[in-house]
Protein backbone atom coordinates (compact mmCIF):
# COMPACT_ATOMS: atom_id res chain seq x y z
CA MET A 1 -7.04 -0.61 14.40
CA THR A 2 -7.50 3.14 14.17
CA GLY A 3 -4.79 5.44 12.84
CA GLY A 4 -4.07 8.97 11.74
CA SER A 5 -5.73 10.87 14.58
CA GLY A 6 -8.88 8.82 14.15
CA ARG A 7 -9.24 9.52 10.41
CA VAL A 8 -9.06 5.87 9.33
CA ARG A 9 -9.57 2.38 10.65
CA LEU A 10 -7.71 -0.57 9.19
CA GLU A 11 -9.50 -3.90 8.97
CA PRO A 12 -7.89 -7.12 7.73
CA TRP A 13 -8.75 -7.78 4.09
CA GLY A 14 -11.63 -10.23 3.93
CA GLU A 15 -13.74 -12.29 1.57
CA GLY A 16 -16.26 -9.45 1.26
CA ASP A 17 -13.71 -6.97 -0.12
CA LEU A 18 -13.66 -8.13 -3.75
CA ASP A 19 -16.00 -5.30 -4.79
CA LEU A 20 -13.68 -2.71 -3.18
CA LEU A 21 -10.76 -4.17 -5.13
CA ARG A 22 -12.81 -3.87 -8.33
CA ARG A 23 -13.49 -0.20 -7.50
CA ILE A 24 -9.73 0.34 -7.11
CA ASN A 25 -9.02 -1.45 -10.41
CA VAL A 26 -10.02 1.39 -12.74
CA PRO A 27 -7.92 3.42 -15.19
CA GLU A 28 -7.85 6.53 -12.98
CA MET A 29 -6.49 4.50 -10.05
CA LYS A 30 -4.11 2.33 -12.06
CA ARG A 31 -2.55 4.86 -14.46
CA HIS A 32 0.81 4.73 -12.61
CA LEU A 33 0.65 0.95 -12.20
CA GLY A 34 0.37 -0.41 -15.71
CA GLY A 35 -3.38 0.02 -16.10
CA PRO A 36 -6.32 -2.03 -14.83
CA GLU A 37 -6.01 -5.76 -14.37
CA THR A 38 -8.35 -8.30 -15.95
CA GLU A 39 -11.21 -9.67 -13.85
CA GLU A 40 -9.29 -12.93 -13.47
CA GLN A 41 -6.21 -11.05 -12.19
CA VAL A 42 -8.35 -9.08 -9.73
CA VAL A 43 -9.87 -12.29 -8.34
CA VAL A 44 -6.40 -13.85 -7.95
CA ARG A 45 -5.12 -10.69 -6.22
CA HIS A 46 -8.15 -10.69 -3.90
CA GLU A 47 -7.54 -14.34 -2.96
CA ARG A 48 -3.87 -13.55 -2.24
CA TYR A 49 -4.85 -10.61 -0.01
CA VAL A 50 -7.29 -12.81 1.94
CA ARG A 51 -4.64 -15.54 2.39
CA PHE A 52 -2.09 -13.04 3.70
CA GLY A 53 -3.90 -12.79 7.01
CA GLY A 54 -1.57 -11.11 9.47
CA THR A 55 1.57 -13.16 9.06
CA ASP A 56 5.20 -12.10 9.33
CA GLN A 57 5.22 -12.13 5.51
CA GLY A 58 2.71 -9.31 5.40
CA CYS A 59 -0.88 -8.21 5.63
CA MET A 60 -3.43 -6.33 3.55
CA TYR A 61 -6.06 -4.07 5.04
CA ARG A 62 -9.28 -2.43 3.97
CA VAL A 63 -9.06 1.31 4.75
CA VAL A 64 -12.24 2.63 6.35
CA ALA A 65 -12.71 6.42 6.45
CA LEU A 66 -13.91 7.85 9.74
CA PRO A 67 -16.37 9.08 10.80
CA GLU A 68 -18.16 8.00 7.60
CA GLU A 69 -17.46 4.28 8.21
CA GLU A 70 -16.95 4.00 4.44
CA PRO A 71 -14.44 1.54 2.89
CA VAL A 72 -12.24 3.80 0.76
CA GLY A 73 -9.16 1.82 -0.20
CA SER A 74 -6.44 -0.63 0.66
CA VAL A 75 -3.05 -0.56 2.35
CA GLY A 76 -0.59 -3.28 3.15
CA TYR A 77 2.89 -4.61 3.43
CA TRP A 78 4.56 -7.75 2.15
CA GLU A 79 8.02 -9.25 1.99
CA ARG A 80 10.35 -8.75 -0.96
CA VAL A 81 14.04 -9.14 -1.49
CA TRP A 82 15.59 -5.79 -2.39
CA HIS A 83 19.31 -5.53 -3.15
CA GLY A 84 19.95 -8.83 -1.38
CA GLU A 85 18.02 -7.94 1.79
CA THR A 86 14.52 -9.03 2.80
CA VAL A 87 12.42 -5.93 3.47
CA TYR A 88 8.77 -5.03 3.66
CA GLU A 89 7.30 -3.33 0.63
CA MET A 90 4.32 -1.10 1.35
CA GLY A 91 1.54 -0.05 -0.97
CA TRP A 92 -1.80 1.73 -0.79
CA SER A 93 -4.77 2.94 -2.82
CA VAL A 94 -7.47 5.42 -1.85
CA LEU A 95 -10.53 5.94 -4.04
CA PRO A 96 -10.60 9.28 -5.92
CA ALA A 97 -13.56 10.74 -4.00
CA TYR A 98 -11.55 10.42 -0.77
CA GLN A 99 -8.14 11.58 -1.97
CA GLY A 100 -6.59 14.79 -0.69
CA ARG A 101 -7.82 14.30 2.89
CA GLY A 102 -4.68 12.66 4.32
CA LEU A 103 -6.31 9.23 4.47
CA ALA A 104 -3.51 7.46 2.56
CA THR A 105 -0.87 8.93 4.87
CA ALA A 106 -2.91 8.00 7.95
CA ALA A 107 -3.39 4.45 6.67
CA LEU A 108 0.29 4.10 5.78
CA LEU A 109 1.39 5.35 9.22
CA ALA A 110 -0.93 2.87 10.93
CA THR A 111 0.45 0.06 8.76
CA VAL A 112 4.03 1.10 9.56
CA GLU A 113 3.22 0.68 13.25
CA VAL A 114 1.98 -2.88 12.63
CA ALA A 115 5.18 -3.73 10.74
CA ARG A 116 7.30 -2.14 13.51
CA VAL A 117 5.66 -4.24 16.20
CA ARG A 118 6.43 -7.42 14.25
CA ARG A 119 10.16 -6.69 14.47
CA THR A 120 10.76 -8.95 11.49
CA HIS A 121 12.63 -6.63 9.10
CA ARG A 122 14.58 -3.44 9.66
CA TYR A 123 13.37 -1.55 6.60
CA ALA A 124 10.13 -0.86 4.80
CA HIS A 125 10.25 0.47 1.24
CA ALA A 126 7.69 2.02 -1.09
CA TYR A 127 8.21 2.36 -4.84
CA PRO A 128 5.76 4.88 -6.34
CA SER A 129 6.20 5.86 -9.96
CA VAL A 130 8.34 8.97 -10.34
CA ASP A 131 5.29 10.55 -12.02
CA ASN A 132 2.91 9.77 -9.14
CA LEU A 133 3.24 13.03 -7.22
CA ALA A 134 0.52 12.16 -4.70
CA SER A 135 2.05 8.82 -3.66
CA ASN A 136 5.50 10.36 -3.43
CA ALA A 137 4.02 13.02 -1.14
CA VAL A 138 2.48 10.30 1.04
CA CYS A 139 5.93 8.73 1.46
CA ARG A 140 7.46 12.07 2.42
CA LYS A 141 4.67 12.89 4.90
CA ALA A 142 4.97 9.42 6.46
CA GLY A 143 8.66 10.00 7.17
CA PHE A 144 10.18 7.80 4.48
CA GLU A 145 13.63 8.77 3.17
CA LEU A 146 14.03 9.17 -0.59
CA LEU A 147 16.97 7.03 -1.73
CA GLY A 148 16.56 7.98 -5.40
CA GLU A 149 15.14 6.72 -8.67
CA THR A 150 15.32 3.05 -9.52
CA GLY A 151 14.17 0.62 -12.17
CA PHE A 152 11.17 -1.33 -10.98
CA GLU A 153 8.86 -3.91 -12.49
CA PHE A 154 5.13 -3.55 -11.92
CA PRO A 155 3.17 -5.37 -12.85
CA LYS A 156 5.55 -8.24 -13.45
CA GLY A 157 7.03 -7.85 -16.90
CA ARG A 158 6.38 -4.10 -17.13
CA PRO A 159 9.42 -1.94 -16.34
CA MET A 160 8.84 1.48 -14.82
CA ARG A 161 10.82 4.29 -13.20
CA ALA A 162 10.08 4.48 -9.51
CA ASN A 163 11.32 6.35 -6.51
CA ASP A 164 12.80 4.15 -3.78
CA TRP A 165 11.57 5.43 -0.43
CA ARG A 166 12.84 3.72 2.76
CA LEU A 167 11.81 3.84 6.39
CA ASP A 168 13.84 2.37 9.25
CA LEU A 169 11.34 0.35 11.30
CA THR A 170 13.73 0.23 14.26
CA ALA A 171 13.93 4.01 14.63
């Protein structure tokens, strides 16, 4: 699936994407997310992404930059219960060499369209760290509404301050 005026293509996360996940799992990319994971945690995450497939519970994608045809990151959505309501949470990562080109926004917008078509949940949320200016800008550019700061746990067991951004998938 191509999104963002032809700037990116999303491909379902596959067995061959473990190296891309390792490239994402570096201090520069994980500074707002509790730091890099261990190799064992990366392998477990990769296996979870592969199992997701394209179910109503969510999906993970490899982000391919166009026209380069270069895998440059990940984007996805998954179910979570937030304030008593099941919603989709959305997350993304774009490798440093490709940041600042609008690829994360393009990938997020394409993923929003997939979630909209599913018609499973009304809202999608994203929870970037309050200090992650770039990810907060992606939310704003993608049309998410800032609901405010919130306590959030990521990774599990590590509290952080995040912004709660919400998008109505029925709009």
